[in-house]
Amino acid sequence: MGNFEKVGEFELKIEEIVKPMTQWTIILTLFVLVLQFVIHQNFTFTITNFLIGTLIIILLYILFMFLHEICHLIGFVLFGHAPLKSLKIGVNLQMGVAYATTTKLMPNKAMRKALLLPFWVTGVAPTICGIYFDYTPLTLVGAWLMVGAIGDFYMYRQLKRVDDAYYIQDDTENPKLHFYTKKLETD
């Protein structure tokens, strides 16, 4: 990598986050539903509402998963000044994950910001809006997208342990981050 020297890497093991994701999905689902009920004290159930609500949840979830990845790309450009030609988005069917990546080396702080941007935009904001407007499909999808960012939080935690002077390269094939430092100039 020209003026950079690789000094380490971190790979996210998908199998290690399945259990915490399941636990947090249950906890957060129950929490937001109870909170929404306590605030609005309104609960009605009909088969028609259930079927329509389920369809809306599925569509919102797919849309918000896509938006989650778009937020990473926006973060790469906004915080790391990544050129548009360096961005890539897709789905890895073998791993069962959507992904967004850049080939550009980014400062550690910029990568951390880009990792957490989707949590706020597609998780926290929709959950708050869903609760405020008493719209359960949005509340649930937002909560599930917060949990869906757990892999981003694992990577963020690893980057907090790495010196801010390091540059980060997002792996374009696997959920892995490579750490680089600038080579010292010698005459």
Protein backbone atom coordinates (compact mmCIF):
# COMPACT_ATOMS: atom_id res chain seq x y z
CA MET A 1 0.00 0.00 0.00
CA GLY A 2 2.61 2.55 -0.99
CA ASN A 3 3.35 4.76 2.01
CA PHE A 4 1.57 2.48 4.46
CA GLU A 5 2.63 -0.60 6.40
CA LYS A 6 0.15 -3.20 7.64
CA VAL A 7 0.33 -3.64 11.42
CA GLY A 8 -2.69 -5.83 12.21
CA GLU A 9 -6.25 -6.85 11.50
CA PHE A 10 -9.52 -7.78 13.13
CA GLU A 11 -12.06 -10.22 11.70
CA LEU A 12 -15.63 -10.31 12.92
CA LYS A 13 -16.76 -13.87 13.54
CA ILE A 14 -20.45 -13.96 12.58
CA GLU A 15 -21.07 -17.09 14.66
CA GLU A 16 -19.90 -15.21 17.78
CA ILE A 17 -22.56 -12.51 17.45
CA VAL A 18 -25.57 -14.76 16.78
CA LYS A 19 -26.32 -15.41 20.47
CA PRO A 20 -26.03 -11.76 21.60
CA MET A 21 -28.10 -10.66 18.58
CA THR A 22 -30.85 -13.11 19.49
CA GLN A 23 -30.82 -12.02 23.13
CA TRP A 24 -30.84 -8.31 22.28
CA THR A 25 -33.61 -8.80 19.69
CA ILE A 26 -35.87 -10.33 22.34
CA ILE A 27 -34.95 -7.78 25.02
CA LEU A 28 -35.26 -4.72 22.77
CA THR A 29 -38.48 -5.96 21.13
CA LEU A 30 -40.16 -6.43 24.50
CA PHE A 31 -38.80 -3.14 25.82
CA VAL A 32 -39.98 -0.96 22.91
CA LEU A 33 -43.39 -2.65 22.75
CA VAL A 34 -43.97 -2.17 26.48
CA LEU A 35 -42.69 1.41 26.30
CA GLN A 36 -44.99 2.19 23.36
CA PHE A 37 -47.95 0.64 25.19
CA VAL A 38 -47.21 2.54 28.44
CA ILE A 39 -46.95 5.84 26.55
CA HIS A 40 -50.05 5.40 24.37
CA GLN A 41 -52.04 2.82 26.39
CA ASN A 42 -53.47 1.56 23.16
CA PHE A 43 -53.45 -2.02 21.95
CA THR A 44 -55.79 -3.50 19.37
CA PHE A 45 -55.39 -6.79 17.59
CA THR A 46 -57.19 -8.03 14.52
CA ILE A 47 -56.12 -10.63 12.00
CA THR A 48 -56.33 -8.06 9.20
CA ASN A 49 -54.13 -5.57 11.07
CA PHE A 50 -51.71 -8.40 11.92
CA LEU A 51 -51.37 -9.51 8.29
CA ILE A 52 -51.02 -5.98 6.94
CA GLY A 53 -48.62 -5.09 9.77
CA THR A 54 -46.49 -8.16 9.03
CA LEU A 55 -46.27 -7.24 5.35
CA ILE A 56 -45.33 -3.65 6.23
CA ILE A 57 -42.67 -4.90 8.68
CA ILE A 58 -41.12 -7.14 6.02
CA LEU A 59 -41.04 -4.32 3.46
CA LEU A 60 -39.70 -1.77 5.97
CA TYR A 61 -37.06 -4.21 7.17
CA ILE A 62 -35.76 -4.82 3.64
CA LEU A 63 -35.78 -1.08 2.90
CA PHE A 64 -34.03 -0.20 6.17
CA MET A 65 -31.38 -2.91 5.71
CA PHE A 66 -30.56 -1.30 2.37
CA LEU A 67 -30.55 2.16 4.01
CA HIS A 68 -28.24 0.81 6.74
CA GLU A 69 -25.64 -0.03 4.11
CA ILE A 70 -26.18 3.28 2.28
CA CYS A 71 -25.46 5.04 5.60
CA HIS A 72 -22.09 3.27 5.77
CA LEU A 73 -21.29 4.53 2.26
CA ILE A 74 -22.35 8.05 3.24
CA GLY A 75 -20.11 7.78 6.30
CA PHE A 76 -17.16 6.66 4.19
CA VAL A 77 -17.60 9.70 1.94
CA LEU A 78 -18.57 12.22 4.64
CA PHE A 79 -16.07 11.29 7.35
CA GLY A 80 -13.31 9.52 5.40
CA HIS A 81 -13.50 11.47 2.13
CA ALA A 82 -13.75 8.24 0.13
CA PRO A 83 -14.23 8.80 -3.59
CA LEU A 84 -17.46 7.41 -5.05
CA LYS A 85 -15.53 5.02 -7.30
CA SER A 86 -14.07 3.34 -4.17
CA LEU A 87 -17.51 2.38 -2.80
CA LYS A 88 -19.15 -1.03 -3.13
CA ILE A 89 -22.49 -2.34 -1.85
CA GLY A 90 -23.98 -5.81 -2.10
CA VAL A 91 -25.25 -8.96 -0.47
CA ASN A 92 -23.13 -11.96 0.49
CA LEU A 93 -25.66 -14.79 0.23
CA GLN A 94 -23.19 -17.36 1.54
CA MET A 95 -22.72 -15.40 4.78
CA GLY A 96 -26.29 -14.11 4.80
CA VAL A 97 -25.31 -10.45 5.18
CA ALA A 98 -25.61 -7.22 3.27
CA TYR A 99 -22.45 -5.14 3.11
CA ALA A 100 -21.05 -1.77 2.14
CA THR A 101 -17.35 -1.18 1.78
CA THR A 102 -14.69 1.10 0.41
CA THR A 103 -11.24 0.38 -0.93
CA LYS A 104 -9.91 3.67 0.50
CA LEU A 105 -7.76 3.71 3.62
CA MET A 106 -9.48 5.81 6.26
CA PRO A 107 -8.31 7.39 9.50
CA ASN A 108 -9.39 5.36 12.52
CA LYS A 109 -11.76 8.06 13.81
CA ALA A 110 -13.45 8.38 10.42
CA MET A 111 -14.00 4.62 10.18
CA ARG A 112 -15.52 4.52 13.67
CA LYS A 113 -17.99 7.26 12.72
CA ALA A 114 -18.89 5.49 9.48
CA LEU A 115 -19.48 2.25 11.38
CA LEU A 116 -22.01 3.76 13.79
CA LEU A 117 -23.89 6.16 11.49
CA PRO A 118 -26.46 3.50 10.45
CA PHE A 119 -27.25 2.66 14.09
CA TRP A 120 -28.51 6.20 14.65
CA VAL A 121 -30.19 6.74 11.27
CA THR A 122 -31.87 3.37 10.68
CA GLY A 123 -32.16 2.16 14.28
CA VAL A 124 -32.58 4.84 16.92
CA ALA A 125 -34.43 7.48 14.85
CA PRO A 126 -37.09 5.10 13.44
CA THR A 127 -37.64 3.52 16.86
CA ILE A 128 -38.23 6.92 18.46
CA CYS A 129 -40.53 7.95 15.60
CA GLY A 130 -42.44 4.66 15.78
CA ILE A 131 -43.01 5.05 19.52
CA TYR A 132 -43.91 8.74 19.20
CA PHE A 133 -46.44 8.15 16.40
CA ASP A 134 -47.63 4.84 17.93
CA TYR A 135 -46.72 2.96 14.75
CA THR A 136 -45.60 -0.51 15.80
CA PRO A 137 -44.10 -1.67 12.46
CA LEU A 138 -41.67 1.26 12.48
CA THR A 139 -40.92 0.78 16.19
CA LEU A 140 -40.06 -2.89 15.67
CA VAL A 141 -38.01 -2.42 12.51
CA GLY A 142 -36.01 0.38 14.14
CA ALA A 143 -35.35 -1.77 17.20
CA TRP A 144 -34.28 -4.71 15.05
CA LEU A 145 -31.96 -2.48 13.01
CA MET A 146 -30.35 -1.29 16.25
CA VAL A 147 -29.65 -4.95 17.04
CA GLY A 148 -28.55 -5.46 13.44
CA ALA A 149 -25.74 -2.99 14.08
CA ILE A 150 -24.18 -5.26 16.70
CA GLY A 151 -21.43 -6.31 14.26
CA ASP A 152 -20.64 -2.64 13.68
CA PHE A 153 -20.34 -2.17 17.45
CA TYR A 154 -17.96 -5.14 17.73
CA MET A 155 -15.77 -3.59 15.04
CA TYR A 156 -16.06 -0.15 16.64
CA ARG A 157 -14.90 -1.61 19.97
CA GLN A 158 -11.83 -3.10 18.27
CA LEU A 159 -11.03 0.22 16.60
CA LYS A 160 -11.24 2.01 19.98
CA ARG A 161 -8.36 -0.24 21.10
CA VAL A 162 -6.25 0.80 18.11
CA ASP A 163 -4.23 4.01 18.00
CA ASP A 164 -6.03 6.90 16.32
CA ALA A 165 -2.93 7.47 14.17
CA TYR A 166 -3.68 4.20 12.35
CA TYR A 167 -5.45 3.99 9.03
CA ILE A 168 -8.13 1.38 8.49
CA GLN A 169 -8.79 -0.65 5.35
CA ASP A 170 -12.18 -2.30 5.15
CA ASP A 171 -11.89 -5.77 3.64
CA THR A 172 -13.99 -5.97 0.49
CA GLU A 173 -14.65 -9.72 0.82
CA ASN A 174 -15.03 -10.49 4.54
CA PRO A 175 -16.12 -8.70 7.72
CA LYS A 176 -12.53 -7.77 8.48
CA LEU A 177 -10.60 -4.57 9.12
CA HIS A 178 -6.89 -4.15 8.35
CA PHE A 179 -4.77 -1.68 10.35
CA TYR A 180 -2.03 0.37 8.71
CA THR A 181 0.45 2.97 9.83
CA LYS A 182 2.29 5.47 7.68
CA LYS A 183 5.83 4.37 6.84
CA LEU A 184 8.52 6.58 8.23
CA GLU A 185 10.27 8.58 5.53
CA THR A 186 13.97 7.74 5.36
CA ASP A 187 16.46 9.51 3.11
